[in-house]
């Protein structure tokens, strides 16, 4: 698919990942680009979806919109996260099918993988167990995109592909302590400790879980490579293929921010999934995606961006 000639809708295009995808689309010469805002097009409402498709008349939809947050937000909102993510995806795909949209690029989540999936996670292991409990409702709602895409391809010939990105990070991330993911939450906590002279920073869990991170601009590149080159029913992981423990991550962030205190782990709080690391061979083989940004560099760029926002 030649992207520059498409009429493209990017749901969630004003968000963290979406803003990078939109920027890359513009750099590729896409002129007919529509970014719906939730205030005008609430994708949980089927009437709003129909209005969006009538207004934008897309030939390509990149569906990034999601109700998402870290462990704390998932524990507080399991019903909301399930319902809103499920309804956004199911209704959008159905209405896009009826409208004759040529291609859909749908994004799932690493939270869809079984809690104890063998590491690195292979796409074929997606159904071999139940997700980690604290974010299972979100993960399962997003995994229904894969079920729907494959069913619609089989019955209707719908060209819908599903990508499973790992944890993202980078400039523009959500730094709200109530809803943010681990890297921005750590940066905020460590920044506060440095500013106030505290010698301890409290973190959830025991520090043993591992996580893999993908720089947000790399993720945007992977999504657009898939939009251009990939047209198969099999799901595809998007990641860097490198994992780091929460304890090691805290030490690295602390070092980069000049923090000389220690970390205290609150073991009464959940660890989340024990390990997360993706097998990323399929993305490389099928559409040539390889993450480019070294983790230390991406982390520094994220910290630097946040510091600028505080001036």
C-alpha atoms as a PDB file:
ATOM      1  CA  UNK A   1       0.000   0.000   0.000  1.00  0.00           C
ATOM      2  CA  UNK A   2       1.401   3.368  -1.059  1.00  0.00           C
ATOM      3  CA  UNK A   3       0.610   5.472   1.988  1.00  0.00           C
ATOM      4  CA  UNK A   4       0.981   8.892   0.412  1.00  0.00           C
ATOM      5  CA  UNK A   5      -2.058   8.270  -1.810  1.00  0.00           C
ATOM      6  CA  UNK A   6      -4.379   7.058   0.963  1.00  0.00           C
ATOM      7  CA  UNK A   7      -7.076   8.812   2.936  1.00  0.00           C
ATOM      8  CA  UNK A   8      -5.925   7.921   6.443  1.00  0.00           C
ATOM      9  CA  UNK A   9      -7.748   7.995   9.765  1.00  0.00           C
ATOM     10  CA  UNK A  10      -5.576   7.635  12.871  1.00  0.00           C
ATOM     11  CA  UNK A  11      -7.703   7.017  15.953  1.00  0.00           C
ATOM     12  CA  UNK A  12      -5.820   8.164  19.018  1.00  0.00           C
ATOM     13  CA  UNK A  13      -3.759  10.332  16.681  1.00  0.00           C
ATOM     14  CA  UNK A  14      -3.571  13.153  19.216  1.00  0.00           C
ATOM     15  CA  UNK A  15      -2.179  10.825  21.881  1.00  0.00           C
ATOM     16  CA  UNK A  16       1.316   9.680  22.804  1.00  0.00           C
ATOM     17  CA  UNK A  17       1.946   7.070  20.098  1.00  0.00           C
ATOM     18  CA  UNK A  18      -0.537   8.598  17.695  1.00  0.00           C
ATOM     19  CA  UNK A  19       1.257  11.928  17.505  1.00  0.00           C
ATOM     20  CA  UNK A  20       4.422  10.165  16.296  1.00  0.00           C
ATOM     21  CA  UNK A  21       2.472   8.122  13.748  1.00  0.00           C
ATOM     22  CA  UNK A  22       0.782  11.279  12.443  1.00  0.00           C
ATOM     23  CA  UNK A  23       4.107  13.087  12.204  1.00  0.00           C
ATOM     24  CA  UNK A  24       5.614  10.239  10.178  1.00  0.00           C
ATOM     25  CA  UNK A  25       2.578  10.079   7.888  1.00  0.00           C
ATOM     26  CA  UNK A  26       2.967  13.774   7.135  1.00  0.00           C
ATOM     27  CA  UNK A  27       6.666  13.258   6.424  1.00  0.00           C
ATOM     28  CA  UNK A  28       5.688  10.506   3.966  1.00  0.00           C
ATOM     29  CA  UNK A  29       3.512  12.979   2.078  1.00  0.00           C
ATOM     30  CA  UNK A  30       0.057  11.883   3.249  1.00  0.00           C
ATOM     31  CA  UNK A  31      -2.228  14.817   2.490  1.00  0.00           C
ATOM     32  CA  UNK A  32      -5.625  13.377   3.378  1.00  0.00           C
ATOM     33  CA  UNK A  33      -5.115  12.695   7.072  1.00  0.00           C
ATOM     34  CA  UNK A  34      -7.925  12.756   9.617  1.00  0.00           C
ATOM     35  CA  UNK A  35      -7.313  12.685  13.376  1.00  0.00           C
ATOM     36  CA  UNK A  36     -10.629  12.344  15.243  1.00  0.00           C
ATOM     37  CA  UNK A  37     -10.819  13.899  18.694  1.00  0.00           C
ATOM     38  CA  UNK A  38     -12.808  12.106  21.367  1.00  0.00           C
ATOM     39  CA  UNK A  39     -14.832  15.220  22.184  1.00  0.00           C
ATOM     40  CA  UNK A  40     -16.317  15.098  18.692  1.00  0.00           C
ATOM     41  CA  UNK A  41     -16.061  11.394  17.853  1.00  0.00           C
ATOM     42  CA  UNK A  42     -16.508   9.178  20.910  1.00  0.00           C
ATOM     43  CA  UNK A  43     -15.547   5.780  19.498  1.00  0.00           C
ATOM     44  CA  UNK A  44     -17.530   3.960  22.193  1.00  0.00           C
ATOM     45  CA  UNK A  45     -20.634   5.412  20.494  1.00  0.00           C
ATOM     46  CA  UNK A  46     -21.481   3.619  17.244  1.00  0.00           C
ATOM     47  CA  UNK A  47     -23.223   6.702  15.859  1.00  0.00           C
ATOM     48  CA  UNK A  48     -20.001   8.681  16.261  1.00  0.00           C
ATOM     49  CA  UNK A  49     -18.062   5.977  14.407  1.00  0.00           C
ATOM     50  CA  UNK A  50     -20.511   6.082  11.532  1.00  0.00           C
ATOM     51  CA  UNK A  51     -20.232   9.860  11.420  1.00  0.00           C
ATOM     52  CA  UNK A  52     -16.429   9.627  11.441  1.00  0.00           C
ATOM     53  CA  UNK A  53     -16.396   7.236   8.493  1.00  0.00           C
ATOM     54  CA  UNK A  54     -18.842   9.409   6.570  1.00  0.00           C
ATOM     55  CA  UNK A  55     -16.818  12.562   7.247  1.00  0.00           C
ATOM     56  CA  UNK A  56     -13.341  11.135   6.550  1.00  0.00           C
ATOM     57  CA  UNK A  57     -14.105   8.428   3.929  1.00  0.00           C
ATOM     58  CA  UNK A  58     -10.854   6.620   4.760  1.00  0.00           C
ATOM     59  CA  UNK A  59      -9.108   4.005   2.673  1.00  0.00           C
ATOM     60  CA  UNK A  60      -6.814   3.185   5.631  1.00  0.00           C
ATOM     61  CA  UNK A  61      -7.574   3.200   9.357  1.00  0.00           C
ATOM     62  CA  UNK A  62      -4.804   2.976  11.944  1.00  0.00           C
ATOM     63  CA  UNK A  63      -6.549   2.221  15.224  1.00  0.00           C
ATOM     64  CA  UNK A  64      -4.462   3.390  18.186  1.00  0.00           C
ATOM     65  CA  UNK A  65      -7.191   4.764  20.447  1.00  0.00           C
ATOM     66  CA  UNK A  66      -7.394   3.001  23.808  1.00  0.00           C
ATOM     67  CA  UNK A  67      -8.380   3.503  27.408  1.00  0.00           C
ATOM     68  CA  UNK A  68      -5.091   2.629  29.075  1.00  0.00           C
ATOM     69  CA  UNK A  69      -2.997   3.082  32.219  1.00  0.00           C
ATOM     70  CA  UNK A  70      -0.499   1.423  34.520  1.00  0.00           C
ATOM     71  CA  UNK A  71      -1.143  -1.282  37.122  1.00  0.00           C
ATOM     72  CA  UNK A  72      -2.903   1.114  39.500  1.00  0.00           C
ATOM     73  CA  UNK A  73      -5.289   2.440  36.852  1.00  0.00           C
ATOM     74  CA  UNK A  74      -6.059  -1.095  35.657  1.00  0.00           C
ATOM     75  CA  UNK A  75      -6.862  -2.244  39.191  1.00  0.00           C
ATOM     76  CA  UNK A  76      -9.236   0.681  39.729  1.00  0.00           C
ATOM     77  CA  UNK A  77     -10.990   0.508  36.336  1.00  0.00           C
ATOM     78  CA  UNK A  78     -11.186  -3.105  35.088  1.00  0.00           C
ATOM     79  CA  UNK A  79     -14.787  -2.781  33.956  1.00  0.00           C
ATOM     80  CA  UNK A  80     -14.304   0.539  32.225  1.00  0.00           C
ATOM     81  CA  UNK A  81     -11.093  -0.584  30.526  1.00  0.00           C
ATOM     82  CA  UNK A  82     -12.765  -3.782  29.280  1.00  0.00           C
ATOM     83  CA  UNK A  83     -15.939  -2.158  28.008  1.00  0.00           C
ATOM     84  CA  UNK A  84     -14.497   0.928  26.351  1.00  0.00           C
ATOM     85  CA  UNK A  85     -11.608  -0.855  24.624  1.00  0.00           C
ATOM     86  CA  UNK A  86     -13.844  -3.679  23.453  1.00  0.00           C
ATOM     87  CA  UNK A  87     -16.569  -1.405  22.098  1.00  0.00           C
ATOM     88  CA  UNK A  88     -14.141   0.946  20.366  1.00  0.00           C
ATOM     89  CA  UNK A  89     -12.508  -1.914  18.490  1.00  0.00           C
ATOM     90  CA  UNK A  90     -15.477  -4.156  17.699  1.00  0.00           C
ATOM     91  CA  UNK A  91     -17.694  -1.357  16.431  1.00  0.00           C
ATOM     92  CA  UNK A  92     -14.963   0.388  14.446  1.00  0.00           C
ATOM     93  CA  UNK A  93     -13.986  -2.783  12.571  1.00  0.00           C
ATOM     94  CA  UNK A  94     -17.607  -3.682  11.823  1.00  0.00           C
ATOM     95  CA  UNK A  95     -18.496  -0.221  10.543  1.00  0.00           C
ATOM     96  CA  UNK A  96     -15.251  -0.006   8.531  1.00  0.00           C
ATOM     97  CA  UNK A  97     -16.117  -3.325   6.895  1.00  0.00           C
ATOM     98  CA  UNK A  98     -19.543  -2.075   5.931  1.00  0.00           C
ATOM     99  CA  UNK A  99     -18.030   1.169   4.622  1.00  0.00           C
ATOM    100  CA  UNK A 100     -15.561  -0.723   2.421  1.00  0.00           C
ATOM    101  CA  UNK A 101     -12.365   0.591   4.043  1.00  0.00           C
ATOM    102  CA  UNK A 102      -9.471  -1.017   2.148  1.00  0.00           C
ATOM    103  CA  UNK A 103      -7.197  -1.753   5.119  1.00  0.00           C
ATOM    104  CA  UNK A 104      -7.189  -1.609   8.906  1.00  0.00           C
ATOM    105  CA  UNK A 105      -4.105  -1.613  11.124  1.00  0.00           C
ATOM    106  CA  UNK A 106      -5.137  -2.571  14.657  1.00  0.00           C
ATOM    107  CA  UNK A 107      -2.949  -2.428  17.750  1.00  0.00           C
ATOM    108  CA  UNK A 108      -3.280  -4.895  20.595  1.00  0.00           C
ATOM    109  CA  UNK A 109      -1.172  -4.931  23.751  1.00  0.00           C
ATOM    110  CA  UNK A 110       1.495  -7.026  25.401  1.00  0.00           C
ATOM    111  CA  UNK A 111      -0.979  -7.321  28.310  1.00  0.00           C
ATOM    112  CA  UNK A 112      -2.855  -9.840  26.144  1.00  0.00           C
ATOM    113  CA  UNK A 113      -0.127 -12.465  26.612  1.00  0.00           C
ATOM    114  CA  UNK A 114      -0.547 -15.226  29.211  1.00  0.00           C
ATOM    115  CA  UNK A 115       0.861 -14.427  32.637  1.00  0.00           C
ATOM    116  CA  UNK A 116       3.439 -17.192  32.409  1.00  0.00           C
ATOM    117  CA  UNK A 117       4.117 -17.224  28.666  1.00  0.00           C
ATOM    118  CA  UNK A 118       7.565 -18.640  27.800  1.00  0.00           C
ATOM    119  CA  UNK A 119      10.132 -15.891  27.266  1.00  0.00           C
ATOM    120  CA  UNK A 120      10.612 -14.455  24.692  1.00  0.00           C
ATOM    121  CA  UNK A 121       6.896 -14.263  23.875  1.00  0.00           C
ATOM    122  CA  UNK A 122       6.042 -15.855  20.533  1.00  0.00           C
ATOM    123  CA  UNK A 123       2.898 -14.729  18.735  1.00  0.00           C
ATOM    124  CA  UNK A 124       1.774 -18.375  18.680  1.00  0.00           C
ATOM    125  CA  UNK A 125       1.649 -18.349  22.519  1.00  0.00           C
ATOM    126  CA  UNK A 126      -1.045 -15.656  22.721  1.00  0.00           C
ATOM    127  CA  UNK A 127      -3.762 -18.184  23.577  1.00  0.00           C
ATOM    128  CA  UNK A 128      -1.778 -20.504  25.846  1.00  0.00           C
ATOM    129  CA  UNK A 129      -3.037 -19.155  29.189  1.00  0.00           C
ATOM    130  CA  UNK A 130      -4.825 -16.335  30.995  1.00  0.00           C
ATOM    131  CA  UNK A 131      -3.269 -12.832  31.155  1.00  0.00           C
ATOM    132  CA  UNK A 132      -1.793 -11.369  34.335  1.00  0.00           C
ATOM    133  CA  UNK A 133      -4.731 -10.538  36.594  1.00  0.00           C
ATOM    134  CA  UNK A 134      -4.157  -6.827  37.217  1.00  0.00           C
ATOM    135  CA  UNK A 135      -4.576  -5.953  33.531  1.00  0.00           C
ATOM    136  CA  UNK A 136      -6.429  -8.995  32.187  1.00  0.00           C
ATOM    137  CA  UNK A 137      -9.638  -7.119  31.361  1.00  0.00           C
ATOM    138  CA  UNK A 138      -7.737  -4.599  29.236  1.00  0.00           C
ATOM    139  CA  UNK A 139      -5.579  -7.265  27.603  1.00  0.00           C
ATOM    140  CA  UNK A 140      -8.525  -9.493  26.714  1.00  0.00           C
ATOM    141  CA  UNK A 141     -10.564  -6.615  25.311  1.00  0.00           C
ATOM    142  CA  UNK A 142      -7.692  -5.688  23.011  1.00  0.00           C
ATOM    143  CA  UNK A 143      -7.076  -9.329  22.073  1.00  0.00           C
ATOM    144  CA  UNK A 144     -10.602  -9.510  20.675  1.00  0.00           C
ATOM    145  CA  UNK A 145      -9.300  -7.331  17.836  1.00  0.00           C
ATOM    146  CA  UNK A 146      -7.286 -10.329  16.691  1.00  0.00           C
ATOM    147  CA  UNK A 147     -10.298 -12.643  16.867  1.00  0.00           C
ATOM    148  CA  UNK A 148     -12.408 -10.173  14.933  1.00  0.00           C
ATOM    149  CA  UNK A 149      -9.749  -9.394  12.328  1.00  0.00           C
ATOM    150  CA  UNK A 150      -9.155 -13.051  11.546  1.00  0.00           C
ATOM    151  CA  UNK A 151     -12.890 -13.862  11.486  1.00  0.00           C
ATOM    152  CA  UNK A 152     -13.644 -10.922   9.190  1.00  0.00           C
ATOM    153  CA  UNK A 153     -10.768 -11.803   6.889  1.00  0.00           C
ATOM    154  CA  UNK A 154     -12.129 -15.352   6.609  1.00  0.00           C
ATOM    155  CA  UNK A 155     -15.774 -14.396   6.018  1.00  0.00           C
ATOM    156  CA  UNK A 156     -15.620 -10.982   4.345  1.00  0.00           C
ATOM    157  CA  UNK A 157     -12.071 -10.716   2.986  1.00  0.00           C
ATOM    158  CA  UNK A 158     -11.366  -7.739   5.258  1.00  0.00           C
ATOM    159  CA  UNK A 159      -7.709  -6.720   5.136  1.00  0.00           C
ATOM    160  CA  UNK A 160      -7.169  -6.146   8.863  1.00  0.00           C
ATOM    161  CA  UNK A 161      -3.789  -6.731  10.496  1.00  0.00           C
ATOM    162  CA  UNK A 162      -3.069  -6.795  14.236  1.00  0.00           C
ATOM    163  CA  UNK A 163       0.172  -5.655  15.868  1.00  0.00           C
ATOM    164  CA  UNK A 164       1.156  -6.249  19.497  1.00  0.00           C
ATOM    165  CA  UNK A 165       3.473  -3.479  20.715  1.00  0.00           C
ATOM    166  CA  UNK A 166       5.502  -3.879  23.895  1.00  0.00           C
ATOM    167  CA  UNK A 167       5.622  -1.155  26.600  1.00  0.00           C
ATOM    168  CA  UNK A 168       6.289   2.199  24.930  1.00  0.00           C
ATOM    169  CA  UNK A 169       8.233   5.160  26.293  1.00  0.00           C
ATOM    170  CA  UNK A 170       9.555   8.476  25.047  1.00  0.00           C
ATOM    171  CA  UNK A 171       8.935  12.234  24.865  1.00  0.00           C
ATOM    172  CA  UNK A 172       5.273  13.108  25.226  1.00  0.00           C
ATOM    173  CA  UNK A 173       4.432  10.141  27.447  1.00  0.00           C
ATOM    174  CA  UNK A 174       1.796  10.376  30.182  1.00  0.00           C
ATOM    175  CA  UNK A 175       3.500  11.577  33.375  1.00  0.00           C
ATOM    176  CA  UNK A 176       0.412  11.580  35.592  1.00  0.00           C
ATOM    177  CA  UNK A 177       1.330   9.462  38.637  1.00  0.00           C
ATOM    178  CA  UNK A 178      -2.214   8.104  38.888  1.00  0.00           C
ATOM    179  CA  UNK A 179      -2.360   6.686  35.354  1.00  0.00           C
ATOM    180  CA  UNK A 180       1.187   6.564  33.955  1.00  0.00           C
ATOM    181  CA  UNK A 181       3.287   3.533  33.128  1.00  0.00           C
ATOM    182  CA  UNK A 182       6.501   2.590  34.870  1.00  0.00           C
ATOM    183  CA  UNK A 183       9.129   4.816  33.202  1.00  0.00           C
ATOM    184  CA  UNK A 184       7.342   8.187  33.529  1.00  0.00           C
ATOM    185  CA  UNK A 185       6.202   7.218  37.034  1.00  0.00           C
ATOM    186  CA  UNK A 186       9.816   6.517  38.031  1.00  0.00           C
ATOM    187  CA  UNK A 187      11.033   9.774  36.509  1.00  0.00           C
ATOM    188  CA  UNK A 188       8.395  11.746  38.429  1.00  0.00           C
ATOM    189  CA  UNK A 189       9.162  10.033  41.741  1.00  0.00           C
ATOM    190  CA  UNK A 190      12.929  10.357  41.383  1.00  0.00           C
ATOM    191  CA  UNK A 191      12.622  13.989  40.298  1.00  0.00           C
ATOM    192  CA  UNK A 192      10.601  14.725  43.426  1.00  0.00           C
ATOM    193  CA  UNK A 193      13.155  12.998  45.635  1.00  0.00           C
ATOM    194  CA  UNK A 194      16.079  14.899  44.098  1.00  0.00           C
ATOM    195  CA  UNK A 195      14.266  18.233  44.410  1.00  0.00           C
ATOM    196  CA  UNK A 196      13.336  17.680  48.073  1.00  0.00           C
ATOM    197  CA  UNK A 197      16.554  15.975  49.134  1.00  0.00           C
ATOM    198  CA  UNK A 198      14.854  12.694  50.044  1.00  0.00           C
ATOM    199  CA  UNK A 199      17.104   9.674  50.337  1.00  0.00           C
ATOM    200  CA  UNK A 200      14.441   7.046  49.549  1.00  0.00           C
ATOM    201  CA  UNK A 201      12.038   6.457  46.665  1.00  0.00           C
ATOM    202  CA  UNK A 202       9.227   3.936  47.087  1.00  0.00           C
ATOM    203  CA  UNK A 203       8.341   1.663  44.174  1.00  0.00           C
ATOM    204  CA  UNK A 204       5.652  -0.988  43.782  1.00  0.00           C
ATOM    205  CA  UNK A 205       6.419  -4.710  44.028  1.00  0.00           C
ATOM    206  CA  UNK A 206       9.786  -6.266  44.772  1.00  0.00           C
ATOM    207  CA  UNK A 207      11.743  -5.037  41.731  1.00  0.00           C
ATOM    208  CA  UNK A 208      12.195  -8.492  40.204  1.00  0.00           C
ATOM    209  CA  UNK A 209       9.813  -8.350  37.214  1.00  0.00           C
ATOM    210  CA  UNK A 210      11.377  -7.668  33.836  1.00  0.00           C
ATOM    211  CA  UNK A 211      10.027  -5.433  31.135  1.00  0.00           C
ATOM    212  CA  UNK A 212      10.861  -4.718  27.524  1.00  0.00           C
ATOM    213  CA  UNK A 213      10.541  -1.181  26.208  1.00  0.00           C
ATOM    214  CA  UNK A 214      10.196   0.247  22.708  1.00  0.00           C
ATOM    215  CA  UNK A 215      10.932   3.890  21.938  1.00  0.00           C
ATOM    216  CA  UNK A 216       7.748   5.535  20.702  1.00  0.00           C
ATOM    217  CA  UNK A 217       9.156   6.761  17.386  1.00  0.00           C
ATOM    218  CA  UNK A 218      10.432   3.258  16.625  1.00  0.00           C
ATOM    219  CA  UNK A 219       6.924   1.945  17.303  1.00  0.00           C
ATOM    220  CA  UNK A 220       5.496   4.492  14.862  1.00  0.00           C
ATOM    221  CA  UNK A 221       7.963   3.350  12.216  1.00  0.00           C
ATOM    222  CA  UNK A 222       6.979  -0.288  12.769  1.00  0.00           C
ATOM    223  CA  UNK A 223       3.268   0.478  12.481  1.00  0.00           C
ATOM    224  CA  UNK A 224       3.712   2.304   9.183  1.00  0.00           C
ATOM    225  CA  UNK A 225       5.984  -0.372   7.731  1.00  0.00           C
ATOM    226  CA  UNK A 226       3.246  -2.894   8.524  1.00  0.00           C
ATOM    227  CA  UNK A 227       0.627  -0.619   6.959  1.00  0.00           C
ATOM    228  CA  UNK A 228       2.683  -0.489   3.761  1.00  0.00           C
ATOM    229  CA  UNK A 229       3.929  -4.073   3.533  1.00  0.00           C
ATOM    230  CA  UNK A 230       1.979  -6.545   5.685  1.00  0.00           C
ATOM    231  CA  UNK A 231      -1.340  -8.106   4.699  1.00  0.00           C
ATOM    232  CA  UNK A 232      -1.532 -11.415   6.568  1.00  0.00           C
ATOM    233  CA  UNK A 233      -3.835 -12.745   9.327  1.00  0.00           C
ATOM    234  CA  UNK A 234      -1.073 -13.710  11.783  1.00  0.00           C
ATOM    235  CA  UNK A 235      -0.451 -11.252  14.657  1.00  0.00           C
ATOM    236  CA  UNK A 236       2.940  -9.553  14.844  1.00  0.00           C
ATOM    237  CA  UNK A 237       4.937  -8.408  17.868  1.00  0.00           C
ATOM    238  CA  UNK A 238       6.536  -4.963  17.853  1.00  0.00           C
ATOM    239  CA  UNK A 239       9.408  -4.615  20.282  1.00  0.00           C
ATOM    240  CA  UNK A 240      13.112  -4.257  20.828  1.00  0.00           C
ATOM    241  CA  UNK A 241      13.752  -7.824  22.004  1.00  0.00           C
ATOM    242  CA  UNK A 242      15.617  -6.601  25.119  1.00  0.00           C
ATOM    243  CA  UNK A 243      14.400  -6.908  28.715  1.00  0.00           C
ATOM    244  CA  UNK A 244      15.441  -5.169  31.918  1.00  0.00           C
ATOM    245  CA  UNK A 245      14.336  -5.734  35.511  1.00  0.00           C
ATOM    246  CA  UNK A 246      12.420  -3.037  37.364  1.00  0.00           C
ATOM    247  CA  UNK A 247      15.266  -2.901  39.888  1.00  0.00           C
ATOM    248  CA  UNK A 248      17.854  -2.347  37.144  1.00  0.00           C
ATOM    249  CA  UNK A 249      15.598   0.197  35.476  1.00  0.00           C
ATOM    250  CA  UNK A 250      15.267   2.193  38.688  1.00  0.00           C
ATOM    251  CA  UNK A 251      19.032   2.294  39.142  1.00  0.00           C
ATOM    252  CA  UNK A 252      19.522   3.443  35.541  1.00  0.00           C
ATOM    253  CA  UNK A 253      16.911   6.209  35.757  1.00  0.00           C
ATOM    254  CA  UNK A 254      18.277   7.294  39.122  1.00  0.00           C
ATOM    255  CA  UNK A 255      21.809   7.479  37.737  1.00  0.00           C
ATOM    256  CA  UNK A 256      20.715   9.587  34.784  1.00  0.00           C
ATOM    257  CA  UNK A 257      18.831  11.975  37.078  1.00  0.00           C
ATOM    258  CA  UNK A 258      21.575  12.378  39.660  1.00  0.00           C
ATOM    259  CA  UNK A 259      19.743  10.533  42.422  1.00  0.00           C
ATOM    260  CA  UNK A 260      22.067   9.146  45.116  1.00  0.00           C
ATOM    261  CA  UNK A 261      19.514   7.679  47.495  1.00  0.00           C
ATOM    262  CA  UNK A 262      18.068   4.185  47.639  1.00  0.00           C
ATOM    263  CA  UNK A 263      14.911   2.490  46.432  1.00  0.00           C
ATOM    264  CA  UNK A 264      12.404   0.925  48.812  1.00  0.00           C
ATOM    265  CA  UNK A 265      10.112  -1.739  47.363  1.00  0.00           C
ATOM    266  CA  UNK A 266       6.556  -2.031  48.658  1.00  0.00           C
ATOM    267  CA  UNK A 267       5.915  -5.766  48.394  1.00  0.00           C
ATOM    268  CA  UNK A 268       2.287  -5.308  49.451  1.00  0.00           C
ATOM    269  CA  UNK A 269       1.722  -3.878  45.959  1.00  0.00           C
ATOM    270  CA  UNK A 270       1.508  -6.172  42.894  1.00  0.00           C
ATOM    271  CA  UNK A 271       4.476  -6.946  40.680  1.00  0.00           C
ATOM    272  CA  UNK A 272       2.365  -7.417  37.577  1.00  0.00           C
ATOM    273  CA  UNK A 273       3.501  -9.962  35.002  1.00  0.00           C
ATOM    274  CA  UNK A 274       6.748 -11.690  36.081  1.00  0.00           C
ATOM    275  CA  UNK A 275       8.573 -11.217  32.775  1.00  0.00           C
ATOM    276  CA  UNK A 276       7.919  -9.446  29.490  1.00  0.00           C
ATOM    277  CA  UNK A 277      10.116  -9.853  26.466  1.00  0.00           C
ATOM    278  CA  UNK A 278       8.976 -10.374  22.894  1.00  0.00           C
ATOM    279  CA  UNK A 279      10.255 -12.525  20.086  1.00  0.00           C
ATOM    280  CA  UNK A 280      10.527  -9.885  17.358  1.00  0.00           C
ATOM    281  CA  UNK A 281      11.652 -12.010  14.418  1.00  0.00           C
ATOM    282  CA  UNK A 282       8.305 -11.999  12.609  1.00  0.00           C
ATOM    283  CA  UNK A 283       8.253  -8.189  12.268  1.00  0.00           C
ATOM    284  CA  UNK A 284      11.745  -8.231  10.772  1.00  0.00           C
ATOM    285  CA  UNK A 285      10.992 -11.095   8.407  1.00  0.00           C
ATOM    286  CA  UNK A 286       7.563  -9.951   7.215  1.00  0.00           C
ATOM    287  CA  UNK A 287       7.989  -6.193   6.879  1.00  0.00           C
ATOM    288  CA  UNK A 288      11.563  -5.307   7.783  1.00  0.00           C
ATOM    289  CA  UNK A 289      11.068  -3.673  11.174  1.00  0.00           C
ATOM    290  CA  UNK A 290      13.977  -3.526  13.624  1.00  0.00           C
ATOM    291  CA  UNK A 291      14.010  -1.145  16.608  1.00  0.00           C
ATOM    292  CA  UNK A 292      16.684   1.506  16.097  1.00  0.00           C
ATOM    293  CA  UNK A 293      16.920   3.495  19.344  1.00  0.00           C
ATOM    294  CA  UNK A 294      19.290   2.195  22.062  1.00  0.00           C
ATOM    295  CA  UNK A 295      17.457   2.078  25.383  1.00  0.00           C
ATOM    296  CA  UNK A 296      19.879   4.335  27.261  1.00  0.00           C
ATOM    297  CA  UNK A 297      19.585   6.965  24.520  1.00  0.00           C
ATOM    298  CA  UNK A 298      15.781   6.810  24.422  1.00  0.00           C
ATOM    299  CA  UNK A 299      15.621   7.039  28.197  1.00  0.00           C
ATOM    300  CA  UNK A 300      17.834  10.136  28.218  1.00  0.00           C
ATOM    301  CA  UNK A 301      15.693  11.778  25.538  1.00  0.00           C
ATOM    302  CA  UNK A 302      12.588  11.060  27.629  1.00  0.00           C
ATOM    303  CA  UNK A 303      14.132  12.530  30.786  1.00  0.00           C
ATOM    304  CA  UNK A 304      15.390  15.585  28.889  1.00  0.00           C
ATOM    305  CA  UNK A 305      11.938  16.188  27.395  1.00  0.00           C
ATOM    306  CA  UNK A 306      10.291  15.996  30.804  1.00  0.00           C
ATOM    307  CA  UNK A 307      12.779  18.435  32.325  1.00  0.00           C
ATOM    308  CA  UNK A 308      12.013  20.945  29.569  1.00  0.00           C
ATOM    309  CA  UNK A 309       8.287  20.676  30.347  1.00  0.00           C
ATOM    310  CA  UNK A 310       8.993  21.687  33.963  1.00  0.00           C
ATOM    311  CA  UNK A 311      10.705  24.973  33.130  1.00  0.00           C
END
